[in-house]
């Protein structure tokens, strides 16, 4: 989790909301893009843009936060 966005989802309560879970999902994708070369960035961004993958990731984060 990056320091600049951690306040958006610093508690599991905020991860249960669309805004908090979306911020976490975007931060995960941004971090993954920063960890790889341009090929990996393209693949990650293509995955995020494909269909409802970003929404599914957000919903998975919300579900995991709700379980605790």
PDB file of N, CA and C in Angstrom:
ATOM      1  N   UNK A   1       0.849  -1.156   0.000  1.00  0.00           N
ATOM      2  CA  UNK A   1       0.000   0.000   0.000  1.00  0.00           C
ATOM      3  C   UNK A   1       0.901   1.227   0.000  1.00  0.00           C
ATOM      4  N   UNK A   2       0.651   2.141  -0.910  1.00  0.00           N
ATOM      5  CA  UNK A   2       1.505   3.325  -0.981  1.00  0.00           C
ATOM      6  C   UNK A   2       1.102   4.343   0.085  1.00  0.00           C
ATOM      7  N   UNK A   3       2.066   5.131   0.527  1.00  0.00           N
ATOM      8  CA  UNK A   3       1.795   6.118   1.575  1.00  0.00           C
ATOM      9  C   UNK A   3       0.807   7.174   1.120  1.00  0.00           C
ATOM     10  N   UNK A   4       0.814   7.515  -0.158  1.00  0.00           N
ATOM     11  CA  UNK A   4      -0.041   8.596  -0.640  1.00  0.00           C
ATOM     12  C   UNK A   4      -1.514   8.228  -0.676  1.00  0.00           C
ATOM     13  N   UNK A   5      -1.818   6.958  -0.814  1.00  0.00           N
ATOM     14  CA  UNK A   5      -3.228   6.567  -0.894  1.00  0.00           C
ATOM     15  C   UNK A   5      -3.691   5.750   0.302  1.00  0.00           C
ATOM     16  N   UNK A   6      -2.809   5.460   1.227  1.00  0.00           N
ATOM     17  CA  UNK A   6      -3.181   4.576   2.324  1.00  0.00           C
ATOM     18  C   UNK A   6      -4.314   5.137   3.178  1.00  0.00           C
ATOM     19  N   UNK A   7      -4.417   6.437   3.303  1.00  0.00           N
ATOM     20  CA  UNK A   7      -5.489   7.019   4.105  1.00  0.00           C
ATOM     21  C   UNK A   7      -6.865   6.750   3.516  1.00  0.00           C
ATOM     22  N   UNK A   8      -6.946   6.510   2.224  1.00  0.00           N
ATOM     23  CA  UNK A   8      -8.237   6.248   1.586  1.00  0.00           C
ATOM     24  C   UNK A   8      -8.825   4.922   2.025  1.00  0.00           C
ATOM     25  N   UNK A   9      -7.986   4.011   2.472  1.00  0.00           N
ATOM     26  CA  UNK A   9      -8.473   2.699   2.878  1.00  0.00           C
ATOM     27  C   UNK A   9      -7.659   2.126   4.036  1.00  0.00           C
ATOM     28  N   UNK A  10      -7.440   2.956   5.031  1.00  0.00           N
ATOM     29  CA  UNK A  10      -6.586   2.553   6.139  1.00  0.00           C
ATOM     30  C   UNK A  10      -7.285   1.652   7.156  1.00  0.00           C
ATOM     31  N   UNK A  11      -8.562   1.499   7.065  1.00  0.00           N
ATOM     32  CA  UNK A  11      -9.260   0.603   7.982  1.00  0.00           C
ATOM     33  C   UNK A  11     -10.159  -0.333   7.196  1.00  0.00           C
ATOM     34  N   UNK A  12     -10.472  -1.468   7.803  1.00  0.00           N
ATOM     35  CA  UNK A  12     -11.319  -2.417   7.079  1.00  0.00           C
ATOM     36  C   UNK A  12     -12.715  -1.856   6.841  1.00  0.00           C
ATOM     37  N   UNK A  13     -13.146  -0.898   7.654  1.00  0.00           N
ATOM     38  CA  UNK A  13     -14.449  -0.272   7.431  1.00  0.00           C
ATOM     39  C   UNK A  13     -14.470   0.432   6.082  1.00  0.00           C
ATOM     40  N   UNK A  14     -13.408   1.166   5.769  1.00  0.00           N
ATOM     41  CA  UNK A  14     -13.387   1.873   4.485  1.00  0.00           C
ATOM     42  C   UNK A  14     -13.233   0.901   3.319  1.00  0.00           C
ATOM     43  N   UNK A  15     -12.606  -0.264   3.557  1.00  0.00           N
ATOM     44  CA  UNK A  15     -12.481  -1.253   2.491  1.00  0.00           C
ATOM     45  C   UNK A  15     -13.816  -1.888   2.135  1.00  0.00           C
ATOM     46  N   UNK A  16     -14.793  -1.755   3.019  1.00  0.00           N
ATOM     47  CA  UNK A  16     -16.123  -2.291   2.747  1.00  0.00           C
ATOM     48  C   UNK A  16     -16.920  -1.396   1.811  1.00  0.00           C
ATOM     49  N   UNK A  17     -16.447  -0.176   1.580  1.00  0.00           N
ATOM     50  CA  UNK A  17     -17.147   0.743   0.686  1.00  0.00           C
ATOM     51  C   UNK A  17     -16.579   0.642  -0.720  1.00  0.00           C
ATOM     52  N   UNK A  18     -17.378   1.046  -1.716  1.00  0.00           N
ATOM     53  CA  UNK A  18     -16.895   1.058  -3.094  1.00  0.00           C
ATOM     54  C   UNK A  18     -15.679   1.962  -3.240  1.00  0.00           C
ATOM     55  N   UNK A  19     -15.719   3.132  -2.619  1.00  0.00           N
ATOM     56  CA  UNK A  19     -14.616   4.088  -2.759  1.00  0.00           C
ATOM     57  C   UNK A  19     -13.320   3.543  -2.175  1.00  0.00           C
ATOM     58  N   UNK A  20     -13.384   2.988  -0.977  1.00  0.00           N
ATOM     59  CA  UNK A  20     -12.186   2.455  -0.330  1.00  0.00           C
ATOM     60  C   UNK A  20     -11.638   1.243  -1.061  1.00  0.00           C
ATOM     61  N   UNK A  21     -12.513   0.330  -1.462  1.00  0.00           N
ATOM     62  CA  UNK A  21     -12.071  -0.864  -2.176  1.00  0.00           C
ATOM     63  C   UNK A  21     -11.535  -0.517  -3.558  1.00  0.00           C
ATOM     64  N   UNK A  22     -12.131   0.467  -4.211  1.00  0.00           N
ATOM     65  CA  UNK A  22     -11.627   0.899  -5.518  1.00  0.00           C
ATOM     66  C   UNK A  22     -10.249   1.530  -5.375  1.00  0.00           C
ATOM     67  N   UNK A  23     -10.063   2.342  -4.337  1.00  0.00           N
ATOM     68  CA  UNK A  23      -8.754   2.959  -4.100  1.00  0.00           C
ATOM     69  C   UNK A  23      -7.702   1.877  -3.866  1.00  0.00           C
ATOM     70  N   UNK A  24      -8.052   0.845  -3.117  1.00  0.00           N
ATOM     71  CA  UNK A  24      -7.116  -0.247  -2.865  1.00  0.00           C
ATOM     72  C   UNK A  24      -6.790  -0.999  -4.152  1.00  0.00           C
ATOM     73  N   UNK A  25      -7.810  -1.258  -4.966  1.00  0.00           N
ATOM     74  CA  UNK A  25      -7.596  -1.973  -6.229  1.00  0.00           C
ATOM     75  C   UNK A  25      -6.697  -1.175  -7.169  1.00  0.00           C
ATOM     76  N   UNK A  26      -6.958   0.111  -7.283  1.00  0.00           N
ATOM     77  CA  UNK A  26      -6.145   0.962  -8.157  1.00  0.00           C
ATOM     78  C   UNK A  26      -4.713   1.036  -7.645  1.00  0.00           C
ATOM     79  N   UNK A  27      -4.549   1.113  -6.336  1.00  0.00           N
ATOM     80  CA  UNK A  27      -3.207   1.158  -5.772  1.00  0.00           C
ATOM     81  C   UNK A  27      -2.465  -0.152  -6.022  1.00  0.00           C
ATOM     82  N   UNK A  28      -3.167  -1.267  -5.925  1.00  0.00           N
ATOM     83  CA  UNK A  28      -2.540  -2.555  -6.214  1.00  0.00           C
ATOM     84  C   UNK A  28      -2.066  -2.617  -7.661  1.00  0.00           C
ATOM     85  N   UNK A  29      -2.894  -2.156  -8.577  1.00  0.00           N
ATOM     86  CA  UNK A  29      -2.541  -2.166  -9.995  1.00  0.00           C
ATOM     87  C   UNK A  29      -1.381  -1.208 -10.257  1.00  0.00           C
ATOM     88  N   UNK A  30      -1.429  -0.032  -9.643  1.00  0.00           N
ATOM     89  CA  UNK A  30      -0.348   0.944  -9.809  1.00  0.00           C
ATOM     90  C   UNK A  30       0.979   0.390  -9.290  1.00  0.00           C
ATOM     91  N   UNK A  31       0.947  -0.255  -8.140  1.00  0.00           N
ATOM     92  CA  UNK A  31       2.148  -0.847  -7.560  1.00  0.00           C
ATOM     93  C   UNK A  31       2.681  -1.964  -8.451  1.00  0.00           C
ATOM     94  N   UNK A  32       1.787  -2.792  -8.964  1.00  0.00           N
ATOM     95  CA  UNK A  32       2.207  -3.874  -9.857  1.00  0.00           C
ATOM     96  C   UNK A  32       2.836  -3.317 -11.130  1.00  0.00           C
ATOM     97  N   UNK A  33       2.281  -2.258 -11.655  1.00  0.00           N
ATOM     98  CA  UNK A  33       2.843  -1.638 -12.859  1.00  0.00           C
ATOM     99  C   UNK A  33       4.238  -1.078 -12.580  1.00  0.00           C
ATOM    100  N   UNK A  34       4.446  -0.536 -11.422  1.00  0.00           N
ATOM    101  CA  UNK A  34       5.742   0.026 -11.066  1.00  0.00           C
ATOM    102  C   UNK A  34       6.809  -1.025 -10.837  1.00  0.00           C
ATOM    103  N   UNK A  35       6.379  -2.255 -10.594  1.00  0.00           N
ATOM    104  CA  UNK A  35       7.328  -3.319 -10.287  1.00  0.00           C
ATOM    105  C   UNK A  35       7.868  -4.016 -11.532  1.00  0.00           C
ATOM    106  N   UNK A  36       7.230  -3.804 -12.673  1.00  0.00           N
ATOM    107  CA  UNK A  36       7.648  -4.523 -13.871  1.00  0.00           C
ATOM    108  C   UNK A  36       8.139  -3.610 -14.966  1.00  0.00           C
ATOM    109  N   UNK A  37       8.538  -4.230 -16.057  1.00  0.00           N
ATOM    110  CA  UNK A  37       8.964  -3.443 -17.210  1.00  0.00           C
ATOM    111  C   UNK A  37       7.736  -3.059 -18.040  1.00  0.00           C
ATOM    112  N   UNK A  38       7.960  -2.429 -19.179  1.00  0.00           N
ATOM    113  CA  UNK A  38       6.839  -1.939 -19.988  1.00  0.00           C
ATOM    114  C   UNK A  38       5.918  -3.056 -20.473  1.00  0.00           C
ATOM    115  N   UNK A  39       6.466  -4.235 -20.739  1.00  0.00           N
ATOM    116  CA  UNK A  39       5.633  -5.358 -21.171  1.00  0.00           C
ATOM    117  C   UNK A  39       4.660  -5.744 -20.073  1.00  0.00           C
ATOM    118  N   UNK A  40       5.159  -5.839 -18.854  1.00  0.00           N
ATOM    119  CA  UNK A  40       4.281  -6.190 -17.738  1.00  0.00           C
ATOM    120  C   UNK A  40       3.242  -5.102 -17.495  1.00  0.00           C
ATOM    121  N   UNK A  41       3.649  -3.848 -17.597  1.00  0.00           N
ATOM    122  CA  UNK A  41       2.706  -2.747 -17.417  1.00  0.00           C
ATOM    123  C   UNK A  41       1.568  -2.857 -18.419  1.00  0.00           C
ATOM    124  N   UNK A  42       1.910  -3.100 -19.662  1.00  0.00           N
ATOM    125  CA  UNK A  42       0.885  -3.221 -20.707  1.00  0.00           C
ATOM    126  C   UNK A  42      -0.057  -4.376 -20.404  1.00  0.00           C
ATOM    127  N   UNK A  43       0.502  -5.512 -20.007  1.00  0.00           N
ATOM    128  CA  UNK A  43      -0.344  -6.673 -19.692  1.00  0.00           C
ATOM    129  C   UNK A  43      -1.251  -6.402 -18.500  1.00  0.00           C
ATOM    130  N   UNK A  44      -0.719  -5.765 -17.479  1.00  0.00           N
ATOM    131  CA  UNK A  44      -1.518  -5.459 -16.289  1.00  0.00           C
ATOM    132  C   UNK A  44      -2.628  -4.478 -16.635  1.00  0.00           C
ATOM    133  N   UNK A  45      -2.299  -3.439 -17.381  1.00  0.00           N
ATOM    134  CA  UNK A  45      -3.310  -2.446 -17.751  1.00  0.00           C
ATOM    135  C   UNK A  45      -4.357  -3.041 -18.692  1.00  0.00           C
ATOM    136  N   UNK A  46      -3.929  -3.906 -19.593  1.00  0.00           N
ATOM    137  CA  UNK A  46      -4.892  -4.601 -20.460  1.00  0.00           C
ATOM    138  C   UNK A  46      -5.840  -5.443 -19.628  1.00  0.00           C
ATOM    139  N   UNK A  47      -5.296  -6.137 -18.616  1.00  0.00           N
ATOM    140  CA  UNK A  47      -6.135  -6.950 -17.740  1.00  0.00           C
ATOM    141  C   UNK A  47      -7.149  -6.075 -17.002  1.00  0.00           C
ATOM    142  N   UNK A  48      -6.685  -4.958 -16.476  1.00  0.00           N
ATOM    143  CA  UNK A  48      -7.564  -4.069 -15.711  1.00  0.00           C
ATOM    144  C   UNK A  48      -8.667  -3.480 -16.582  1.00  0.00           C
ATOM    145  N   UNK A  49      -8.340  -3.240 -17.853  1.00  0.00           N
ATOM    146  CA  UNK A  49      -9.320  -2.629 -18.765  1.00  0.00           C
ATOM    147  C   UNK A  49     -10.264  -3.664 -19.373  1.00  0.00           C
ATOM    148  N   UNK A  50      -9.929  -4.936 -19.258  1.00  0.00           N
ATOM    149  CA  UNK A  50     -10.712  -5.988 -19.893  1.00  0.00           C
ATOM    150  C   UNK A  50     -11.970  -6.303 -19.104  1.00  0.00           C
ATOM    151  N   UNK A  51     -13.091  -6.034 -19.701  1.00  0.00           N
ATOM    152  CA  UNK A  51     -14.365  -6.387 -19.089  1.00  0.00           C
ATOM    153  C   UNK A  51     -14.544  -5.773 -17.721  1.00  0.00           C
ATOM    154  N   UNK A  52     -14.838  -6.618 -16.767  1.00  0.00           N
ATOM    155  CA  UNK A  52     -15.129  -6.141 -15.416  1.00  0.00           C
ATOM    156  C   UNK A  52     -14.065  -6.593 -14.417  1.00  0.00           C
ATOM    157  N   UNK A  53     -12.843  -6.774 -14.867  1.00  0.00           N
ATOM    158  CA  UNK A  53     -11.788  -7.264 -13.965  1.00  0.00           C
ATOM    159  C   UNK A  53     -11.538  -6.321 -12.792  1.00  0.00           C
ATOM    160  N   UNK A  54     -11.511  -5.019 -13.053  1.00  0.00           N
ATOM    161  CA  UNK A  54     -11.284  -4.066 -11.961  1.00  0.00           C
ATOM    162  C   UNK A  54     -12.436  -4.121 -10.965  1.00  0.00           C
ATOM    163  N   UNK A  55     -13.657  -4.211 -11.470  1.00  0.00           N
ATOM    164  CA  UNK A  55     -14.819  -4.303 -10.588  1.00  0.00           C
ATOM    165  C   UNK A  55     -14.773  -5.597  -9.771  1.00  0.00           C
ATOM    166  N   UNK A  56     -14.374  -6.698 -10.401  1.00  0.00           N
ATOM    167  CA  UNK A  56     -14.270  -7.971  -9.680  1.00  0.00           C
ATOM    168  C   UNK A  56     -13.206  -7.894  -8.590  1.00  0.00           C
ATOM    169  N   UNK A  57     -12.082  -7.244  -8.892  1.00  0.00           N
ATOM    170  CA  UNK A  57     -11.038  -7.066  -7.880  1.00  0.00           C
ATOM    171  C   UNK A  57     -11.574  -6.230  -6.728  1.00  0.00           C
ATOM    172  N   UNK A  58     -12.259  -5.134  -7.044  1.00  0.00           N
ATOM    173  CA  UNK A  58     -12.852  -4.285  -6.004  1.00  0.00           C
ATOM    174  C   UNK A  58     -13.824  -5.084  -5.148  1.00  0.00           C
ATOM    175  N   UNK A  59     -14.671  -5.868  -5.791  1.00  0.00           N
ATOM    176  CA  UNK A  59     -15.667  -6.646  -5.053  1.00  0.00           C
ATOM    177  C   UNK A  59     -15.006  -7.716  -4.177  1.00  0.00           C
ATOM    178  N   UNK A  60     -13.889  -8.279  -4.649  1.00  0.00           N
ATOM    179  CA  UNK A  60     -13.149  -9.260  -3.835  1.00  0.00           C
ATOM    180  C   UNK A  60     -12.556  -8.607  -2.593  1.00  0.00           C
ATOM    181  N   UNK A  61     -12.061  -7.401  -2.754  1.00  0.00           N
ATOM    182  CA  UNK A  61     -11.510  -6.659  -1.610  1.00  0.00           C
ATOM    183  C   UNK A  61     -12.615  -6.363  -0.601  1.00  0.00           C
ATOM    184  N   UNK A  62     -13.763  -5.922  -1.100  1.00  0.00           N
ATOM    185  CA  UNK A  62     -14.894  -5.635  -0.207  1.00  0.00           C
ATOM    186  C   UNK A  62     -15.340  -6.900   0.527  1.00  0.00           C
ATOM    187  N   UNK A  63     -15.410  -8.009  -0.171  1.00  0.00           N
ATOM    188  CA  UNK A  63     -15.841  -9.264   0.452  1.00  0.00           C
ATOM    189  C   UNK A  63     -14.854  -9.717   1.520  1.00  0.00           C
ATOM    190  N   UNK A  64     -13.573  -9.589   1.231  1.00  0.00           N
ATOM    191  CA  UNK A  64     -12.552  -9.976   2.221  1.00  0.00           C
ATOM    192  C   UNK A  64     -12.617  -9.094   3.457  1.00  0.00           C
ATOM    193  N   UNK A  65     -12.871  -7.812   3.274  1.00  0.00           N
ATOM    194  CA  UNK A  65     -12.977  -6.894   4.412  1.00  0.00           C
ATOM    195  C   UNK A  65     -14.210  -7.217   5.248  1.00  0.00           C
ATOM    196  N   UNK A  66     -15.279  -7.654   4.597  1.00  0.00           N
ATOM    197  CA  UNK A  66     -16.517  -7.961   5.294  1.00  0.00           C
ATOM    198  C   UNK A  66     -16.407  -9.243   6.124  1.00  0.00           C
ATOM    199  N   UNK A  67     -15.501 -10.133   5.733  1.00  0.00           N
ATOM    200  CA  UNK A  67     -15.354 -11.419   6.430  1.00  0.00           C
ATOM    201  C   UNK A  67     -14.684 -11.267   7.789  1.00  0.00           C
ATOM    202  N   UNK A  68     -13.901 -10.240   7.956  1.00  0.00           N
ATOM    203  CA  UNK A  68     -13.162 -10.085   9.218  1.00  0.00           C
ATOM    204  C   UNK A  68     -13.994  -9.455  10.282  1.00  0.00           C
TER     205      UNK A  68
END
